[in-house]
């Protein structure tokens, strides 16, 4: 599997998210729930969110490279590679 390192972005209401592609499908994660992580950058003050989101991006990348699978949004189904 080829995966590029996830990118950190900010939306129009100053929430940060991590985006990446798997099989030409874009995924946006605002927190680490889908990889069973407690990292939630948007629960921090605005000036700290980007640095915490970079930590989340590293967690996501490490999780996926080591064989982890994503849970589907709002359900317990798995996203297949």
N, C-alpha and C. Protein backbone atom coordinates (compact mmCIF):
# COMPACT_ATOMS: atom_id res chain seq x y z
N UNK A 1 0.84 -1.18 0.00
CA UNK A 1 0.00 0.00 0.00
C UNK A 1 0.89 1.24 0.00
N UNK A 2 0.53 2.19 -0.83
CA UNK A 2 1.24 3.46 -0.88
C UNK A 2 0.37 4.53 -0.25
N UNK A 3 0.95 5.19 0.72
CA UNK A 3 0.21 6.23 1.44
C UNK A 3 1.15 7.40 1.67
N UNK A 4 0.71 8.57 1.26
CA UNK A 4 1.49 9.77 1.54
C UNK A 4 1.15 10.27 2.94
N UNK A 5 2.08 11.00 3.52
CA UNK A 5 1.86 11.52 4.86
C UNK A 5 0.65 12.46 4.84
N UNK A 6 -0.28 12.31 5.80
CA UNK A 6 -1.48 13.15 5.83
C UNK A 6 -1.15 14.63 5.99
N UNK A 7 -2.01 15.48 5.44
CA UNK A 7 -1.82 16.92 5.51
C UNK A 7 -2.80 17.52 6.50
N UNK A 8 -2.36 18.59 7.15
CA UNK A 8 -3.18 19.29 8.14
C UNK A 8 -3.76 20.53 7.48
N UNK A 9 -5.06 20.73 7.66
CA UNK A 9 -5.77 21.88 7.08
C UNK A 9 -6.63 22.53 8.15
N UNK A 10 -7.06 23.76 7.85
CA UNK A 10 -8.00 24.48 8.70
C UNK A 10 -9.22 24.84 7.87
N UNK A 11 -10.42 24.60 8.42
CA UNK A 11 -11.63 24.95 7.67
C UNK A 11 -12.05 26.39 7.98
N UNK A 12 -13.19 26.79 7.45
CA UNK A 12 -13.62 28.20 7.55
C UNK A 12 -14.01 28.64 8.97
N UNK A 13 -14.24 27.68 9.86
CA UNK A 13 -14.60 28.05 11.23
C UNK A 13 -13.48 27.70 12.22
N UNK A 14 -12.25 27.68 11.71
CA UNK A 14 -11.03 27.46 12.50
C UNK A 14 -10.93 26.08 13.14
N UNK A 15 -11.60 25.11 12.59
CA UNK A 15 -11.40 23.73 13.04
C UNK A 15 -10.33 23.11 12.16
N UNK A 16 -9.45 22.33 12.77
CA UNK A 16 -8.39 21.69 12.00
C UNK A 16 -8.80 20.25 11.69
N UNK A 17 -8.29 19.74 10.58
CA UNK A 17 -8.52 18.36 10.22
C UNK A 17 -7.33 17.83 9.46
N UNK A 18 -7.24 16.52 9.40
CA UNK A 18 -6.16 15.84 8.71
C UNK A 18 -6.77 15.17 7.49
N UNK A 19 -6.18 15.38 6.32
CA UNK A 19 -6.72 14.77 5.11
C UNK A 19 -5.66 13.89 4.44
N UNK A 20 -6.14 12.82 3.83
CA UNK A 20 -5.28 11.89 3.11
C UNK A 20 -6.14 11.09 2.15
N UNK A 21 -5.51 10.41 1.22
CA UNK A 21 -6.22 9.62 0.21
C UNK A 21 -5.87 8.15 0.34
N UNK A 22 -6.88 7.30 0.20
CA UNK A 22 -6.71 5.85 0.10
C UNK A 22 -7.51 5.42 -1.11
N UNK A 23 -6.84 4.83 -2.09
CA UNK A 23 -7.49 4.39 -3.34
C UNK A 23 -8.30 5.52 -3.97
N UNK A 24 -7.69 6.67 -4.10
CA UNK A 24 -8.29 7.85 -4.72
C UNK A 24 -9.54 8.37 -4.01
N UNK A 25 -9.74 7.97 -2.77
CA UNK A 25 -10.84 8.51 -1.99
C UNK A 25 -10.26 9.35 -0.86
N UNK A 26 -10.77 10.57 -0.72
CA UNK A 26 -10.27 11.48 0.30
C UNK A 26 -10.94 11.20 1.64
N UNK A 27 -10.13 11.21 2.67
CA UNK A 27 -10.62 11.06 4.04
C UNK A 27 -10.21 12.29 4.83
N UNK A 28 -11.13 12.78 5.64
CA UNK A 28 -10.87 13.91 6.53
C UNK A 28 -11.18 13.47 7.94
N UNK A 29 -10.20 13.57 8.80
CA UNK A 29 -10.40 13.20 10.19
C UNK A 29 -10.19 14.43 11.07
N UNK A 30 -11.20 14.76 11.84
CA UNK A 30 -11.13 15.90 12.75
C UNK A 30 -10.61 15.48 14.13
N UNK A 31 -10.62 14.18 14.40
CA UNK A 31 -10.09 13.66 15.66
C UNK A 31 -9.63 12.22 15.42
N UNK A 32 -9.15 11.56 16.44
CA UNK A 32 -8.60 10.22 16.29
C UNK A 32 -9.54 9.08 16.60
N UNK A 33 -10.82 9.33 16.72
CA UNK A 33 -11.76 8.27 17.10
C UNK A 33 -11.76 7.10 16.12
N UNK A 34 -11.59 7.38 14.83
CA UNK A 34 -11.66 6.31 13.83
C UNK A 34 -10.45 5.40 13.84
N UNK A 35 -9.40 5.80 14.53
CA UNK A 35 -8.23 4.93 14.68
C UNK A 35 -8.03 4.56 16.15
N UNK A 36 -9.06 4.73 16.95
CA UNK A 36 -9.03 4.41 18.38
C UNK A 36 -7.98 5.22 19.13
N UNK A 37 -7.91 6.50 18.83
CA UNK A 37 -7.00 7.42 19.50
C UNK A 37 -7.83 8.48 20.22
N UNK A 38 -7.30 9.00 21.28
CA UNK A 38 -8.02 10.04 22.03
C UNK A 38 -7.59 11.45 21.62
N UNK A 39 -6.74 11.58 20.61
CA UNK A 39 -6.27 12.89 20.17
C UNK A 39 -7.40 13.67 19.50
N UNK A 40 -7.67 14.85 20.04
CA UNK A 40 -8.73 15.71 19.51
C UNK A 40 -8.22 17.15 19.47
N UNK A 41 -7.61 17.55 18.35
CA UNK A 41 -7.00 18.88 18.28
C UNK A 41 -7.99 20.03 18.46
N UNK A 42 -9.24 19.84 18.10
CA UNK A 42 -10.21 20.93 18.18
C UNK A 42 -10.71 21.18 19.60
N UNK A 43 -10.27 20.39 20.55
CA UNK A 43 -10.62 20.65 21.94
C UNK A 43 -9.60 21.56 22.61
N UNK A 44 -8.55 21.94 21.88
CA UNK A 44 -7.51 22.82 22.39
C UNK A 44 -7.78 24.26 21.94
N UNK A 45 -7.13 25.22 22.59
CA UNK A 45 -7.26 26.62 22.12
C UNK A 45 -6.78 26.75 20.67
N UNK A 46 -7.29 27.73 19.97
CA UNK A 46 -7.01 27.89 18.54
C UNK A 46 -5.51 27.96 18.24
N UNK A 47 -4.74 28.61 19.08
CA UNK A 47 -3.31 28.75 18.80
C UNK A 47 -2.53 27.44 18.96
N UNK A 48 -3.09 26.42 19.59
CA UNK A 48 -2.42 25.14 19.77
C UNK A 48 -2.92 24.06 18.83
N UNK A 49 -3.99 24.30 18.10
CA UNK A 49 -4.64 23.26 17.30
C UNK A 49 -3.76 22.70 16.20
N UNK A 50 -3.02 23.55 15.50
CA UNK A 50 -2.19 23.05 14.40
C UNK A 50 -1.12 22.09 14.89
N UNK A 51 -0.49 22.41 16.00
CA UNK A 51 0.56 21.51 16.50
C UNK A 51 -0.02 20.18 16.96
N UNK A 52 -1.18 20.17 17.58
CA UNK A 52 -1.81 18.93 18.00
C UNK A 52 -2.30 18.16 16.77
N UNK A 53 -2.75 18.86 15.74
CA UNK A 53 -3.19 18.19 14.51
C UNK A 53 -2.01 17.51 13.81
N UNK A 54 -0.83 18.08 13.91
CA UNK A 54 0.36 17.43 13.34
C UNK A 54 0.67 16.14 14.09
N UNK A 55 0.45 16.12 15.37
CA UNK A 55 0.60 14.89 16.15
C UNK A 55 -0.42 13.85 15.69
N UNK A 56 -1.66 14.30 15.48
CA UNK A 56 -2.70 13.40 14.99
C UNK A 56 -2.34 12.85 13.61
N UNK A 57 -1.80 13.68 12.74
CA UNK A 57 -1.38 13.22 11.41
C UNK A 57 -0.32 12.13 11.53
N UNK A 58 0.63 12.31 12.42
CA UNK A 58 1.66 11.30 12.64
C UNK A 58 1.06 10.00 13.18
N UNK A 59 0.10 10.11 14.09
CA UNK A 59 -0.57 8.92 14.62
C UNK A 59 -1.32 8.17 13.53
N UNK A 60 -2.03 8.91 12.69
CA UNK A 60 -2.80 8.29 11.60
C UNK A 60 -1.86 7.58 10.63
N UNK A 61 -0.79 8.25 10.24
CA UNK A 61 0.17 7.67 9.31
C UNK A 61 0.78 6.39 9.88
N UNK A 62 1.23 6.45 11.10
CA UNK A 62 1.82 5.29 11.74
C UNK A 62 0.82 4.14 11.85
N UNK A 63 -0.39 4.46 12.23
CA UNK A 63 -1.45 3.46 12.37
C UNK A 63 -1.72 2.75 11.05
N UNK A 64 -1.86 3.50 9.98
CA UNK A 64 -2.19 2.91 8.68
C UNK A 64 -1.02 2.15 8.08
N UNK A 65 0.18 2.67 8.22
CA UNK A 65 1.36 1.99 7.68
C UNK A 65 1.59 0.65 8.39
N UNK A 66 1.26 0.58 9.66
CA UNK A 66 1.46 -0.64 10.43
C UNK A 66 0.29 -1.61 10.33
N UNK A 67 -0.58 -1.42 9.34
CA UNK A 67 -1.64 -2.38 9.07
C UNK A 67 -2.98 -2.08 9.70
N UNK A 68 -3.14 -0.95 10.32
CA UNK A 68 -4.42 -0.59 10.92
C UNK A 68 -5.45 -0.28 9.85
N UNK A 69 -6.71 -0.43 10.20
CA UNK A 69 -7.79 -0.12 9.27
C UNK A 69 -8.69 0.94 9.89
N UNK A 70 -9.28 1.76 9.05
CA UNK A 70 -10.18 2.82 9.51
C UNK A 70 -11.56 2.26 9.78
N UNK A 71 -12.21 2.81 10.76
CA UNK A 71 -13.63 2.53 10.97
C UNK A 71 -14.43 3.49 10.12
N UNK A 72 -15.55 3.05 9.59
CA UNK A 72 -16.41 3.92 8.80
C UNK A 72 -16.96 5.03 9.69
N UNK A 73 -17.27 6.14 9.06
CA UNK A 73 -17.81 7.29 9.78
C UNK A 73 -19.16 6.95 10.39
N UNK A 74 -19.29 7.15 11.68
CA UNK A 74 -20.54 6.94 12.44
C UNK A 74 -21.04 5.49 12.44
N UNK A 75 -20.15 4.53 12.27
CA UNK A 75 -20.53 3.12 12.41
C UNK A 75 -19.28 2.32 12.75
N UNK A 76 -19.44 1.05 13.00
CA UNK A 76 -18.31 0.20 13.33
C UNK A 76 -17.84 -0.62 12.14
N UNK A 77 -18.32 -0.31 10.93
CA UNK A 77 -17.86 -1.00 9.74
C UNK A 77 -16.44 -0.58 9.40
N UNK A 78 -15.70 -1.46 8.75
CA UNK A 78 -14.33 -1.17 8.37
C UNK A 78 -14.27 -0.63 6.95
N UNK A 79 -13.34 0.28 6.72
CA UNK A 79 -13.06 0.78 5.38
C UNK A 79 -12.03 -0.17 4.79
N UNK A 80 -12.36 -0.82 3.72
CA UNK A 80 -11.44 -1.81 3.13
C UNK A 80 -10.46 -1.12 2.21
N UNK A 81 -9.25 -1.65 2.14
CA UNK A 81 -8.19 -1.10 1.28
C UNK A 81 -8.39 -1.63 -0.09
